[in-house]
Amino acid sequence: TLFFSSQNYSTLYFVLTHFHTHFLTSCVINYCLNILLKILYRFFFFQIEVLLHKLLTFRSFSEAFFLYLFFLVS
């Protein structure tokens, strides 16, 4: 049988509450970091997508322009 004095109970309570709050704060920090990473990833992915779209449309525009010049010359 385990015998706990009041000091042992308070120590156990302190350890449990400390780990509980530590676990909660780590969960909250993890959640916030996860959201921040998702926002950053979406923002950068959106920027890359916009940049690629601009490059592709510019490329097709320049290709059409050069084809137009080629047809004008010939």
PDB file of N, CA and C in Angstrom:
ATOM      1  N   THR A   1       0.837  -1.194   0.000  1.00  0.00           N
ATOM      2  CA  THR A   1       0.000   0.000   0.000  1.00  0.00           C
ATOM      3  C   THR A   1       0.873   1.245   0.000  1.00  0.00           C
ATOM      4  N   LEU A   2       0.420   2.246  -0.750  1.00  0.00           N
ATOM      5  CA  LEU A   2       1.170   3.496  -0.827  1.00  0.00           C
ATOM      6  C   LEU A   2       0.640   4.471   0.202  1.00  0.00           C
ATOM      7  N   PHE A   3       1.581   5.076   0.881  1.00  0.00           N
ATOM      8  CA  PHE A   3       1.209   6.062   1.887  1.00  0.00           C
ATOM      9  C   PHE A   3       1.643   7.441   1.410  1.00  0.00           C
ATOM     10  N   PHE A   4       0.702   8.347   1.284  1.00  0.00           N
ATOM     11  CA  PHE A   4       1.023   9.703   0.847  1.00  0.00           C
ATOM     12  C   PHE A   4       0.812  10.675   1.990  1.00  0.00           C
ATOM     13  N   SER A   5       1.801  11.460   2.253  1.00  0.00           N
ATOM     14  CA  SER A   5       1.617  12.547   3.211  1.00  0.00           C
ATOM     15  C   SER A   5       1.026  13.744   2.474  1.00  0.00           C
ATOM     16  N   SER A   6       0.725  14.782   3.198  1.00  0.00           N
ATOM     17  CA  SER A   6       0.158  15.972   2.564  1.00  0.00           C
ATOM     18  C   SER A   6       1.173  16.622   1.636  1.00  0.00           C
ATOM     19  N   GLN A   7       2.451  16.534   1.992  1.00  0.00           N
ATOM     20  CA  GLN A   7       3.488  17.112   1.135  1.00  0.00           C
ATOM     21  C   GLN A   7       3.589  16.317  -0.166  1.00  0.00           C
ATOM     22  N   ASN A   8       3.487  15.030  -0.087  1.00  0.00           N
ATOM     23  CA  ASN A   8       3.521  14.210  -1.291  1.00  0.00           C
ATOM     24  C   ASN A   8       2.327  14.513  -2.186  1.00  0.00           C
ATOM     25  N   TYR A   9       1.183  14.694  -1.561  1.00  0.00           N
ATOM     26  CA  TYR A   9      -0.008  15.046  -2.337  1.00  0.00           C
ATOM     27  C   TYR A   9       0.176  16.381  -3.047  1.00  0.00           C
ATOM     28  N   SER A  10       0.713  17.347  -2.323  1.00  0.00           N
ATOM     29  CA  SER A  10       0.917  18.661  -2.940  1.00  0.00           C
ATOM     30  C   SER A  10       1.963  18.583  -4.050  1.00  0.00           C
ATOM     31  N   THR A  11       3.001  17.778  -3.849  1.00  0.00           N
ATOM     32  CA  THR A  11       4.015  17.609  -4.890  1.00  0.00           C
ATOM     33  C   THR A  11       3.416  16.933  -6.115  1.00  0.00           C
ATOM     34  N   LEU A  12       2.642  15.894  -5.862  1.00  0.00           N
ATOM     35  CA  LEU A  12       1.992  15.199  -6.967  1.00  0.00           C
ATOM     36  C   LEU A  12       1.031  16.136  -7.697  1.00  0.00           C
ATOM     37  N   TYR A  13       0.273  16.916  -6.915  1.00  0.00           N
ATOM     38  CA  TYR A  13      -0.654  17.874  -7.512  1.00  0.00           C
ATOM     39  C   TYR A  13       0.098  18.907  -8.350  1.00  0.00           C
ATOM     40  N   PHE A  14       1.218  19.396  -7.797  1.00  0.00           N
ATOM     41  CA  PHE A  14       2.023  20.376  -8.525  1.00  0.00           C
ATOM     42  C   PHE A  14       2.549  19.785  -9.833  1.00  0.00           C
ATOM     43  N   VAL A  15       3.059  18.555  -9.759  1.00  0.00           N
ATOM     44  CA  VAL A  15       3.614  17.915 -10.952  1.00  0.00           C
ATOM     45  C   VAL A  15       2.524  17.713 -11.997  1.00  0.00           C
ATOM     46  N   LEU A  16       1.367  17.233 -11.552  1.00  0.00           N
ATOM     47  CA  LEU A  16       0.270  16.988 -12.496  1.00  0.00           C
ATOM     48  C   LEU A  16      -0.229  18.280 -13.124  1.00  0.00           C
ATOM     49  N   THR A  17      -0.433  19.300 -12.303  1.00  0.00           N
ATOM     50  CA  THR A  17      -0.917  20.574 -12.854  1.00  0.00           C
ATOM     51  C   THR A  17       0.142  21.221 -13.732  1.00  0.00           C
ATOM     52  N   HIS A  18       1.411  21.077 -13.321  1.00  0.00           N
ATOM     53  CA  HIS A  18       2.486  21.658 -14.128  1.00  0.00           C
ATOM     54  C   HIS A  18       2.526  21.001 -15.506  1.00  0.00           C
ATOM     55  N   PHE A  19       2.465  19.680 -15.510  1.00  0.00           N
ATOM     56  CA  PHE A  19       2.497  18.992 -16.797  1.00  0.00           C
ATOM     57  C   PHE A  19       1.230  19.248 -17.594  1.00  0.00           C
ATOM     58  N   HIS A  20       0.125  19.376 -16.893  1.00  0.00           N
ATOM     59  CA  HIS A  20      -1.135  19.652 -17.579  1.00  0.00           C
ATOM     60  C   HIS A  20      -1.081  21.019 -18.261  1.00  0.00           C
ATOM     61  N   THR A  21      -0.636  22.034 -17.524  1.00  0.00           N
ATOM     62  CA  THR A  21      -0.543  23.371 -18.131  1.00  0.00           C
ATOM     63  C   THR A  21       0.523  23.396 -19.217  1.00  0.00           C
ATOM     64  N   HIS A  22       1.610  22.670 -18.977  1.00  0.00           N
ATOM     65  CA  HIS A  22       2.659  22.610 -19.995  1.00  0.00           C
ATOM     66  C   HIS A  22       2.131  21.942 -21.259  1.00  0.00           C
ATOM     67  N   PHE A  23       1.367  20.883 -21.079  1.00  0.00           N
ATOM     68  CA  PHE A  23       0.785  20.182 -22.221  1.00  0.00           C
ATOM     69  C   PHE A  23      -0.199  21.087 -22.959  1.00  0.00           C
ATOM     70  N   LEU A  24      -1.012  21.819 -22.192  1.00  0.00           N
ATOM     71  CA  LEU A  24      -1.983  22.723 -22.817  1.00  0.00           C
ATOM     72  C   LEU A  24      -1.286  23.835 -23.583  1.00  0.00           C
ATOM     73  N   THR A  25      -0.267  24.426 -22.968  1.00  0.00           N
ATOM     74  CA  THR A  25       0.438  25.505 -23.672  1.00  0.00           C
ATOM     75  C   THR A  25       1.148  24.978 -24.908  1.00  0.00           C
ATOM     76  N   SER A  26       1.721  23.781 -24.808  1.00  0.00           N
ATOM     77  CA  SER A  26       2.376  23.219 -25.992  1.00  0.00           C
ATOM     78  C   SER A  26       1.356  22.925 -27.082  1.00  0.00           C
ATOM     79  N   CYS A  27       0.166  22.469 -26.689  1.00  0.00           N
ATOM     80  CA  CYS A  27      -0.888  22.231 -27.680  1.00  0.00           C
ATOM     81  C   CYS A  27      -1.312  23.535 -28.343  1.00  0.00           C
ATOM     82  N   VAL A  28      -1.484  24.569 -27.541  1.00  0.00           N
ATOM     83  CA  VAL A  28      -1.892  25.871 -28.081  1.00  0.00           C
ATOM     84  C   VAL A  28      -0.811  26.426 -29.002  1.00  0.00           C
ATOM     85  N   ILE A  29       0.449  26.326 -28.567  1.00  0.00           N
ATOM     86  CA  ILE A  29       1.555  26.818 -29.394  1.00  0.00           C
ATOM     87  C   ILE A  29       1.641  26.023 -30.691  1.00  0.00           C
ATOM     88  N   ASN A  30       1.468  24.711 -30.579  1.00  0.00           N
ATOM     89  CA  ASN A  30       1.504  23.852 -31.756  1.00  0.00           C
ATOM     90  C   ASN A  30       0.377  24.207 -32.722  1.00  0.00           C
ATOM     91  N   TYR A  31      -0.812  24.438 -32.167  1.00  0.00           N
ATOM     92  CA  TYR A  31      -1.973  24.795 -32.989  1.00  0.00           C
ATOM     93  C   TYR A  31      -1.737  26.125 -33.701  1.00  0.00           C
ATOM     94  N   CYS A  32      -1.227  27.110 -32.960  1.00  0.00           N
ATOM     95  CA  CYS A  32      -0.967  28.428 -33.553  1.00  0.00           C
ATOM     96  C   CYS A  32       0.113  28.342 -34.629  1.00  0.00           C
ATOM     97  N   LEU A  33       1.158  27.568 -34.363  1.00  0.00           N
ATOM     98  CA  LEU A  33       2.212  27.406 -35.360  1.00  0.00           C
ATOM     99  C   LEU A  33       1.697  26.707 -36.607  1.00  0.00           C
ATOM    100  N   ASN A  34       0.817  25.734 -36.395  1.00  0.00           N
ATOM    101  CA  ASN A  34       0.238  25.014 -37.521  1.00  0.00           C
ATOM    102  C   ASN A  34      -0.582  25.957 -38.400  1.00  0.00           C
ATOM    103  N   ILE A  35      -1.393  26.794 -37.760  1.00  0.00           N
ATOM    104  CA  ILE A  35      -2.217  27.756 -38.507  1.00  0.00           C
ATOM    105  C   ILE A  35      -1.321  28.759 -39.234  1.00  0.00           C
ATOM    106  N   LEU A  36      -0.280  29.229 -38.540  1.00  0.00           N
ATOM    107  CA  LEU A  36       0.642  30.190 -39.147  1.00  0.00           C
ATOM    108  C   LEU A  36       1.347  29.591 -40.354  1.00  0.00           C
ATOM    109  N   LEU A  37       1.772  28.340 -40.219  1.00  0.00           N
ATOM    110  CA  LEU A  37       2.432  27.676 -41.337  1.00  0.00           C
ATOM    111  C   LEU A  37       1.487  27.489 -42.510  1.00  0.00           C
ATOM    112  N   LYS A  38       0.228  27.146 -42.213  1.00  0.00           N
ATOM    113  CA  LYS A  38      -0.747  26.982 -43.293  1.00  0.00           C
ATOM    114  C   LYS A  38      -0.994  28.301 -44.009  1.00  0.00           C
ATOM    115  N   ILE A  39      -1.108  29.384 -43.229  1.00  0.00           N
ATOM    116  CA  ILE A  39      -1.340  30.703 -43.833  1.00  0.00           C
ATOM    117  C   ILE A  39      -0.147  31.104 -44.698  1.00  0.00           C
ATOM    118  N   LEU A  40       1.064  30.918 -44.163  1.00  0.00           N
ATOM    119  CA  LEU A  40       2.266  31.255 -44.930  1.00  0.00           C
ATOM    120  C   LEU A  40       2.373  30.413 -46.186  1.00  0.00           C
ATOM    121  N   TYR A  41       2.078  29.115 -46.048  1.00  0.00           N
ATOM    122  CA  TYR A  41       2.177  28.228 -47.205  1.00  0.00           C
ATOM    123  C   TYR A  41       1.170  28.627 -48.274  1.00  0.00           C
ATOM    124  N   ARG A  42      -0.065  28.910 -47.829  1.00  0.00           N
ATOM    125  CA  ARG A  42      -1.087  29.306 -48.808  1.00  0.00           C
ATOM    126  C   ARG A  42      -0.729  30.623 -49.465  1.00  0.00           C
ATOM    127  N   PHE A  43      -0.204  31.571 -48.680  1.00  0.00           N
ATOM    128  CA  PHE A  43       0.167  32.869 -49.235  1.00  0.00           C
ATOM    129  C   PHE A  43       1.278  32.717 -50.265  1.00  0.00           C
ATOM    130  N   PHE A  44       2.326  31.981 -49.884  1.00  0.00           N
ATOM    131  CA  PHE A  44       3.447  31.813 -50.806  1.00  0.00           C
ATOM    132  C   PHE A  44       3.052  30.981 -52.017  1.00  0.00           C
ATOM    133  N   PHE A  45       2.235  29.948 -51.784  1.00  0.00           N
ATOM    134  CA  PHE A  45       1.792  29.129 -52.907  1.00  0.00           C
ATOM    135  C   PHE A  45       0.943  29.962 -53.858  1.00  0.00           C
ATOM    136  N   PHE A  46       0.087  30.833 -53.289  1.00  0.00           N
ATOM    137  CA  PHE A  46      -0.736  31.714 -54.113  1.00  0.00           C
ATOM    138  C   PHE A  46       0.142  32.680 -54.900  1.00  0.00           C
ATOM    139  N   GLN A  47       1.177  33.227 -54.240  1.00  0.00           N
ATOM    140  CA  GLN A  47       2.091  34.141 -54.928  1.00  0.00           C
ATOM    141  C   GLN A  47       2.816  33.438 -56.064  1.00  0.00           C
ATOM    142  N   ILE A  48       3.280  32.206 -55.803  1.00  0.00           N
ATOM    143  CA  ILE A  48       3.978  31.440 -56.843  1.00  0.00           C
ATOM    144  C   ILE A  48       3.029  31.136 -57.994  1.00  0.00           C
ATOM    145  N   GLU A  49       1.779  30.796 -57.639  1.00  0.00           N
ATOM    146  CA  GLU A  49       0.798  30.485 -58.677  1.00  0.00           C
ATOM    147  C   GLU A  49       0.507  31.717 -59.530  1.00  0.00           C
ATOM    148  N   VAL A  50       0.366  32.871 -58.880  1.00  0.00           N
ATOM    149  CA  VAL A  50       0.130  34.117 -59.613  1.00  0.00           C
ATOM    150  C   VAL A  50       1.321  34.444 -60.505  1.00  0.00           C
ATOM    151  N   LEU A  51       2.531  34.260 -59.955  1.00  0.00           N
ATOM    152  CA  LEU A  51       3.740  34.524 -60.737  1.00  0.00           C
ATOM    153  C   LEU A  51       3.826  33.605 -61.949  1.00  0.00           C
ATOM    154  N   LEU A  52       3.536  32.314 -61.736  1.00  0.00           N
ATOM    155  CA  LEU A  52       3.551  31.370 -62.850  1.00  0.00           C
ATOM    156  C   LEU A  52       2.495  31.725 -63.886  1.00  0.00           C
ATOM    157  N   HIS A  53       1.320  32.119 -63.393  1.00  0.00           N
ATOM    158  CA  HIS A  53       0.250  32.489 -64.317  1.00  0.00           C
ATOM    159  C   HIS A  53       0.652  33.705 -65.148  1.00  0.00           C
ATOM    160  N   LYS A  54       1.277  34.693 -64.473  1.00  0.00           N
ATOM    161  CA  LYS A  54       1.738  35.884 -65.203  1.00  0.00           C
ATOM    162  C   LYS A  54       2.794  35.521 -66.231  1.00  0.00           C
ATOM    163  N   LEU A  55       3.730  34.659 -65.830  1.00  0.00           N
ATOM    164  CA  LEU A  55       4.782  34.247 -66.760  1.00  0.00           C
ATOM    165  C   LEU A  55       4.199  33.498 -67.949  1.00  0.00           C
ATOM    166  N   LEU A  56       3.242  32.613 -67.670  1.00  0.00           N
ATOM    167  CA  LEU A  56       2.649  31.835 -68.757  1.00  0.00           C
ATOM    168  C   LEU A  56       1.844  32.721 -69.694  1.00  0.00           C
ATOM    169  N   THR A  57       1.063  33.642 -69.112  1.00  0.00           N
ATOM    170  CA  THR A  57       0.278  34.523 -69.975  1.00  0.00           C
ATOM    171  C   THR A  57       1.195  35.465 -70.749  1.00  0.00           C
ATOM    172  N   PHE A  58       2.279  35.919 -70.089  1.00  0.00           N
ATOM    173  CA  PHE A  58       3.225  36.781 -70.795  1.00  0.00           C
ATOM    174  C   PHE A  58       3.894  36.006 -71.921  1.00  0.00           C
ATOM    175  N   ARG A  59       4.218  34.738 -71.654  1.00  0.00           N
ATOM    176  CA  ARG A  59       4.858  33.920 -72.671  1.00  0.00           C
ATOM    177  C   ARG A  59       3.919  33.706 -73.851  1.00  0.00           C
ATOM    178  N   SER A  60       2.666  33.390 -73.560  1.00  0.00           N
ATOM    179  CA  SER A  60       1.726  33.172 -74.659  1.00  0.00           C
ATOM    180  C   SER A  60       1.479  34.478 -75.415  1.00  0.00           C
ATOM    181  N   PHE A  61       1.455  35.599 -74.656  1.00  0.00           N
ATOM    182  CA  PHE A  61       1.262  36.893 -75.311  1.00  0.00           C
ATOM    183  C   PHE A  61       2.442  37.215 -76.219  1.00  0.00           C
ATOM    184  N   SER A  62       3.667  36.966 -75.706  1.00  0.00           N
ATOM    185  CA  SER A  62       4.851  37.251 -76.526  1.00  0.00           C
ATOM    186  C   SER A  62       4.922  36.313 -77.722  1.00  0.00           C
ATOM    187  N   GLU A  63       4.521  35.044 -77.503  1.00  0.00           N
ATOM    188  CA  GLU A  63       4.497  34.115 -78.632  1.00  0.00           C
ATOM    189  C   GLU A  63       3.501  34.564 -79.689  1.00  0.00           C
ATOM    190  N   ALA A  64       2.334  35.007 -79.260  1.00  0.00           N
ATOM    191  CA  ALA A  64       1.333  35.490 -80.209  1.00  0.00           C
ATOM    192  C   ALA A  64       1.840  36.737 -80.928  1.00  0.00           C
ATOM    193  N   PHE A  65       2.531  37.602 -80.172  1.00  0.00           N
ATOM    194  CA  PHE A  65       3.066  38.816 -80.766  1.00  0.00           C
ATOM    195  C   PHE A  65       4.124  38.494 -81.825  1.00  0.00           C
ATOM    196  N   PHE A  66       5.015  37.538 -81.496  1.00  0.00           N
ATOM    197  CA  PHE A  66       6.047  37.152 -82.465  1.00  0.00           C
ATOM    198  C   PHE A  66       5.446  36.438 -83.670  1.00  0.00           C
ATOM    199  N   LEU A  67       4.416  35.635 -83.438  1.00  0.00           N
ATOM    200  CA  LEU A  67       3.732  34.999 -84.569  1.00  0.00           C
ATOM    201  C   LEU A  67       3.086  36.048 -85.466  1.00  0.00           C
ATOM    202  N   TYR A  68       2.497  37.071 -84.824  1.00  0.00           N
ATOM    203  CA  TYR A  68       1.875  38.157 -85.582  1.00  0.00           C
ATOM    204  C   TYR A  68       2.924  38.892 -86.420  1.00  0.00           C
ATOM    205  N   LEU A  69       4.094  39.169 -85.801  1.00  0.00           N
ATOM    206  CA  LEU A  69       5.187  39.809 -86.537  1.00  0.00           C
ATOM    207  C   LEU A  69       5.681  38.924 -87.674  1.00  0.00           C
ATOM    208  N   PHE A  70       5.773  37.625 -87.408  1.00  0.00           N
ATOM    209  CA  PHE A  70       6.233  36.683 -88.426  1.00  0.00           C
ATOM    210  C   PHE A  70       5.276  36.668 -89.615  1.00  0.00           C
ATOM    211  N   PHE A  71       3.966  36.681 -89.310  1.00  0.00           N
ATOM    212  CA  PHE A  71       2.979  36.701 -90.397  1.00  0.00           C
ATOM    213  C   PHE A  71       3.005  38.031 -91.136  1.00  0.00           C
ATOM    214  N   LEU A  72       3.282  39.122 -90.428  1.00  0.00           N
ATOM    215  CA  LEU A  72       3.384  40.420 -91.083  1.00  0.00           C
ATOM    216  C   LEU A  72       4.588  40.467 -92.016  1.00  0.00           C
ATOM    217  N   VAL A  73       5.719  39.918 -91.566  1.00  0.00           N
ATOM    218  CA  VAL A  73       6.937  39.939 -92.377  1.00  0.00           C
ATOM    219  C   VAL A  73       6.769  39.048 -93.599  1.00  0.00           C
ATOM    220  N   SER A  74       6.228  37.875 -93.374  1.00  0.00           N
ATOM    221  CA  SER A  74       6.062  36.951 -94.500  1.00  0.00           C
ATOM    222  C   SER A  74       4.778  37.312 -95.229  1.00  0.00           C
TER     223      SER A  74
END
